Amino acid sequence: MMTETTVECRFDKACSSYLPNRTLENAMYQALSHFGTPEWNCEELAFAKQIQARSPPTIANSLNNIAVTVAKTARLLHYSS
């Protein structure tokens, strides 16, 4: 900075937690049920593996966030029945 002041920033995390959207989830499920799931060729699968290899912590964190949300939902459904 011009005044020779220093600034230090720390990001605890750069994205928000996973929040389920049941309406969108249902719409996507209906579309997949109607059209089916995509079929990937060998080249596309290899490209996906390259991307996954570059960001294992990000993928693991996303899966953990989803697992926690699903577990909470499952507990709520279990106790409400």
N, C-alpha and C. Protein backbone atom coordinates (compact mmCIF):
# COMPACT_ATOMS: atom_id res chain seq x y z
N MET A 1 0.84 -1.17 0.00
CA MET A 1 0.00 0.00 0.00
C MET A 1 0.89 1.25 0.00
N MET A 2 0.35 2.35 -0.36
CA MET A 2 1.15 3.56 -0.49
C MET A 2 1.70 4.05 0.84
N THR A 3 1.04 3.78 1.95
CA THR A 3 1.52 4.24 3.25
C THR A 3 2.44 3.23 3.92
N GLU A 4 2.83 2.22 3.18
CA GLU A 4 3.65 1.13 3.67
C GLU A 4 2.96 0.35 4.79
N THR A 5 1.65 0.41 4.80
CA THR A 5 0.85 -0.37 5.74
C THR A 5 0.71 -1.77 5.19
N THR A 6 0.76 -2.74 6.06
CA THR A 6 0.57 -4.12 5.60
C THR A 6 -0.79 -4.63 6.05
N VAL A 7 -1.31 -5.53 5.28
CA VAL A 7 -2.60 -6.13 5.58
C VAL A 7 -2.44 -7.64 5.49
N GLU A 8 -3.03 -8.33 6.42
CA GLU A 8 -3.00 -9.78 6.38
C GLU A 8 -4.44 -10.28 6.38
N CYS A 9 -4.75 -11.15 5.42
CA CYS A 9 -6.09 -11.72 5.32
C CYS A 9 -5.99 -13.23 5.48
N ARG A 10 -6.94 -13.79 6.18
CA ARG A 10 -6.99 -15.24 6.32
C ARG A 10 -8.40 -15.70 5.98
N PHE A 11 -8.50 -16.62 5.05
CA PHE A 11 -9.79 -17.20 4.70
C PHE A 11 -9.93 -18.52 5.43
N ASP A 12 -10.94 -18.62 6.29
CA ASP A 12 -11.20 -19.90 6.94
C ASP A 12 -11.75 -20.90 5.93
N LYS A 13 -12.57 -20.41 5.06
CA LYS A 13 -13.03 -21.20 3.93
C LYS A 13 -13.65 -20.26 2.91
N ALA A 14 -13.62 -20.68 1.68
CA ALA A 14 -14.02 -19.77 0.61
C ALA A 14 -15.37 -20.11 0.01
N CYS A 15 -16.11 -21.00 0.64
CA CYS A 15 -17.43 -21.33 0.11
C CYS A 15 -18.37 -21.65 1.26
N SER A 16 -19.63 -21.60 0.99
CA SER A 16 -20.60 -21.90 2.03
C SER A 16 -20.88 -23.39 2.09
N SER A 17 -21.53 -23.79 3.14
CA SER A 17 -21.86 -25.21 3.31
C SER A 17 -22.93 -25.63 2.32
N TYR A 18 -23.04 -26.91 2.14
CA TYR A 18 -24.06 -27.48 1.26
C TYR A 18 -25.43 -27.28 1.88
N LEU A 19 -26.34 -26.72 1.14
CA LEU A 19 -27.72 -26.56 1.59
C LEU A 19 -28.63 -27.27 0.59
N PRO A 20 -29.40 -28.24 1.03
CA PRO A 20 -30.24 -28.97 0.09
C PRO A 20 -31.38 -28.10 -0.45
N ASN A 21 -31.73 -28.33 -1.70
CA ASN A 21 -32.85 -27.67 -2.34
C ASN A 21 -33.77 -28.78 -2.84
N ARG A 22 -34.74 -29.15 -2.03
CA ARG A 22 -35.59 -30.30 -2.34
C ARG A 22 -36.41 -30.10 -3.62
N THR A 23 -36.84 -28.88 -3.89
CA THR A 23 -37.62 -28.61 -5.10
C THR A 23 -36.77 -28.88 -6.34
N LEU A 24 -35.56 -28.35 -6.36
CA LEU A 24 -34.65 -28.58 -7.49
C LEU A 24 -34.27 -30.06 -7.55
N GLU A 25 -34.05 -30.66 -6.40
CA GLU A 25 -33.72 -32.09 -6.34
C GLU A 25 -34.80 -32.93 -7.01
N ASN A 26 -36.05 -32.65 -6.70
CA ASN A 26 -37.17 -33.39 -7.30
C ASN A 26 -37.27 -33.16 -8.80
N ALA A 27 -37.05 -31.91 -9.24
CA ALA A 27 -37.10 -31.61 -10.67
C ALA A 27 -35.99 -32.35 -11.42
N MET A 28 -34.80 -32.38 -10.83
CA MET A 28 -33.69 -33.10 -11.46
C MET A 28 -33.96 -34.60 -11.49
N TYR A 29 -34.55 -35.12 -10.43
CA TYR A 29 -34.87 -36.55 -10.39
C TYR A 29 -35.87 -36.90 -11.49
N GLN A 30 -36.89 -36.05 -11.67
CA GLN A 30 -37.89 -36.30 -12.71
C GLN A 30 -37.24 -36.28 -14.10
N ALA A 31 -36.33 -35.32 -14.32
CA ALA A 31 -35.65 -35.23 -15.62
C ALA A 31 -34.78 -36.46 -15.86
N LEU A 32 -34.03 -36.88 -14.84
CA LEU A 32 -33.18 -38.06 -15.00
C LEU A 32 -34.01 -39.32 -15.19
N SER A 33 -35.14 -39.39 -14.51
CA SER A 33 -36.02 -40.55 -14.68
C SER A 33 -36.57 -40.61 -16.10
N HIS A 34 -36.88 -39.44 -16.66
CA HIS A 34 -37.45 -39.37 -18.01
C HIS A 34 -36.39 -39.63 -19.09
N PHE A 35 -35.25 -38.94 -19.00
CA PHE A 35 -34.23 -39.00 -20.05
C PHE A 35 -33.14 -40.03 -19.79
N GLY A 36 -32.98 -40.47 -18.56
CA GLY A 36 -31.90 -41.40 -18.23
C GLY A 36 -30.62 -40.66 -17.90
N THR A 37 -29.67 -41.41 -17.39
CA THR A 37 -28.39 -40.80 -17.02
C THR A 37 -27.47 -40.71 -18.23
N PRO A 38 -26.52 -39.77 -18.19
CA PRO A 38 -25.59 -39.64 -19.32
C PRO A 38 -24.67 -40.85 -19.42
N GLU A 39 -24.22 -41.12 -20.61
CA GLU A 39 -23.24 -42.17 -20.84
C GLU A 39 -21.94 -41.50 -21.27
N TRP A 40 -20.86 -41.75 -20.51
CA TRP A 40 -19.57 -41.10 -20.76
C TRP A 40 -18.67 -42.03 -21.56
N ASN A 41 -17.93 -41.46 -22.50
CA ASN A 41 -16.96 -42.26 -23.25
C ASN A 41 -15.63 -42.30 -22.50
N CYS A 42 -14.69 -43.09 -22.97
CA CYS A 42 -13.39 -43.28 -22.30
C CYS A 42 -12.62 -41.97 -22.16
N GLU A 43 -12.66 -41.14 -23.19
CA GLU A 43 -11.95 -39.85 -23.16
C GLU A 43 -12.53 -38.94 -22.07
N GLU A 44 -13.83 -38.89 -21.95
CA GLU A 44 -14.47 -38.05 -20.93
C GLU A 44 -14.18 -38.56 -19.52
N LEU A 45 -14.17 -39.88 -19.35
CA LEU A 45 -13.85 -40.46 -18.04
C LEU A 45 -12.40 -40.18 -17.64
N ALA A 46 -11.48 -40.25 -18.60
CA ALA A 46 -10.07 -39.94 -18.32
C ALA A 46 -9.91 -38.48 -17.92
N PHE A 47 -10.62 -37.59 -18.60
CA PHE A 47 -10.56 -36.16 -18.26
C PHE A 47 -11.09 -35.93 -16.85
N ALA A 48 -12.18 -36.58 -16.49
CA ALA A 48 -12.74 -36.45 -15.14
C ALA A 48 -11.75 -36.92 -14.08
N LYS A 49 -11.04 -38.01 -14.35
CA LYS A 49 -10.04 -38.52 -13.41
C LYS A 49 -8.89 -37.52 -13.23
N GLN A 50 -8.51 -36.83 -14.30
CA GLN A 50 -7.47 -35.80 -14.19
C GLN A 50 -7.92 -34.67 -13.27
N ILE A 51 -9.15 -34.24 -13.43
CA ILE A 51 -9.67 -33.17 -12.58
C ILE A 51 -9.74 -33.63 -11.13
N GLN A 52 -10.24 -34.83 -10.90
CA GLN A 52 -10.34 -35.36 -9.54
C GLN A 52 -8.97 -35.47 -8.88
N ALA A 53 -7.96 -35.85 -9.62
CA ALA A 53 -6.61 -36.00 -9.06
C ALA A 53 -6.03 -34.67 -8.61
N ARG A 54 -6.47 -33.58 -9.20
CA ARG A 54 -5.95 -32.26 -8.86
C ARG A 54 -6.59 -31.67 -7.61
N SER A 55 -7.72 -32.19 -7.20
CA SER A 55 -8.42 -31.54 -6.09
C SER A 55 -9.04 -32.53 -5.09
N PRO A 56 -8.29 -33.53 -4.59
CA PRO A 56 -8.89 -34.48 -3.65
C PRO A 56 -9.43 -33.85 -2.37
N PRO A 57 -8.77 -32.83 -1.76
CA PRO A 57 -9.35 -32.25 -0.54
C PRO A 57 -10.70 -31.58 -0.80
N THR A 58 -10.83 -30.93 -1.95
CA THR A 58 -12.08 -30.27 -2.28
C THR A 58 -13.20 -31.29 -2.45
N ILE A 59 -12.92 -32.37 -3.14
CA ILE A 59 -13.92 -33.42 -3.36
C ILE A 59 -14.29 -34.07 -2.03
N ALA A 60 -13.29 -34.37 -1.20
CA ALA A 60 -13.56 -34.99 0.10
C ALA A 60 -14.41 -34.08 0.97
N ASN A 61 -14.11 -32.77 0.96
CA ASN A 61 -14.88 -31.82 1.75
C ASN A 61 -16.32 -31.75 1.27
N SER A 62 -16.53 -31.73 -0.04
CA SER A 62 -17.89 -31.70 -0.59
C SER A 62 -18.67 -32.94 -0.19
N LEU A 63 -18.03 -34.10 -0.30
CA LEU A 63 -18.71 -35.34 0.07
C LEU A 63 -19.03 -35.37 1.56
N ASN A 64 -18.13 -34.85 2.38
CA ASN A 64 -18.39 -34.80 3.82
C ASN A 64 -19.56 -33.89 4.13
N ASN A 65 -19.63 -32.72 3.48
CA ASN A 65 -20.75 -31.80 3.71
C ASN A 65 -22.07 -32.44 3.31
N ILE A 66 -22.09 -33.13 2.19
CA ILE A 66 -23.32 -33.79 1.73
C ILE A 66 -23.69 -34.91 2.68
N ALA A 67 -22.70 -35.68 3.13
CA ALA A 67 -22.98 -36.79 4.05
C ALA A 67 -23.57 -36.29 5.36
N VAL A 68 -23.05 -35.19 5.87
CA VAL A 68 -23.58 -34.63 7.12
C VAL A 68 -25.02 -34.18 6.93
N THR A 69 -25.29 -33.50 5.82
CA THR A 69 -26.65 -33.03 5.55
C THR A 69 -27.62 -34.20 5.40
N VAL A 70 -27.21 -35.23 4.67
CA VAL A 70 -28.06 -36.40 4.49
C VAL A 70 -28.29 -37.10 5.82
N ALA A 71 -27.25 -37.20 6.63
CA ALA A 71 -27.39 -37.85 7.94
C ALA A 71 -28.37 -37.08 8.82
N LYS A 72 -28.29 -35.77 8.81
CA LYS A 72 -29.22 -34.96 9.61
C LYS A 72 -30.65 -35.16 9.11
N THR A 73 -30.83 -35.17 7.80
CA THR A 73 -32.15 -35.38 7.22
C THR A 73 -32.68 -36.76 7.59
N ALA A 74 -31.82 -37.76 7.51
CA ALA A 74 -32.23 -39.13 7.84
C ALA A 74 -32.66 -39.22 9.30
N ARG A 75 -31.93 -38.56 10.20
CA ARG A 75 -32.31 -38.56 11.61
C ARG A 75 -33.67 -37.89 11.80
N LEU A 76 -33.87 -36.77 11.10
CA LEU A 76 -35.15 -36.07 11.22
C LEU A 76 -36.29 -36.94 10.73
N LEU A 77 -36.09 -37.62 9.61
CA LEU A 77 -37.14 -38.49 9.08
C LEU A 77 -37.39 -39.66 10.02
N HIS A 78 -36.32 -40.19 10.61
CA HIS A 78 -36.45 -41.34 11.52
C HIS A 78 -37.25 -40.95 12.76
N TYR A 79 -36.94 -39.79 13.33
CA TYR A 79 -37.60 -39.38 14.56
C TYR A 79 -39.02 -38.86 14.34
N SER A 80 -39.30 -38.39 13.13
CA SER A 80 -40.63 -37.84 12.89
C SER A 80 -41.66 -38.90 12.55
N SER A 81 -41.21 -40.13 12.26
CA SER A 81 -42.17 -41.16 11.85
C SER A 81 -42.71 -41.94 13.03
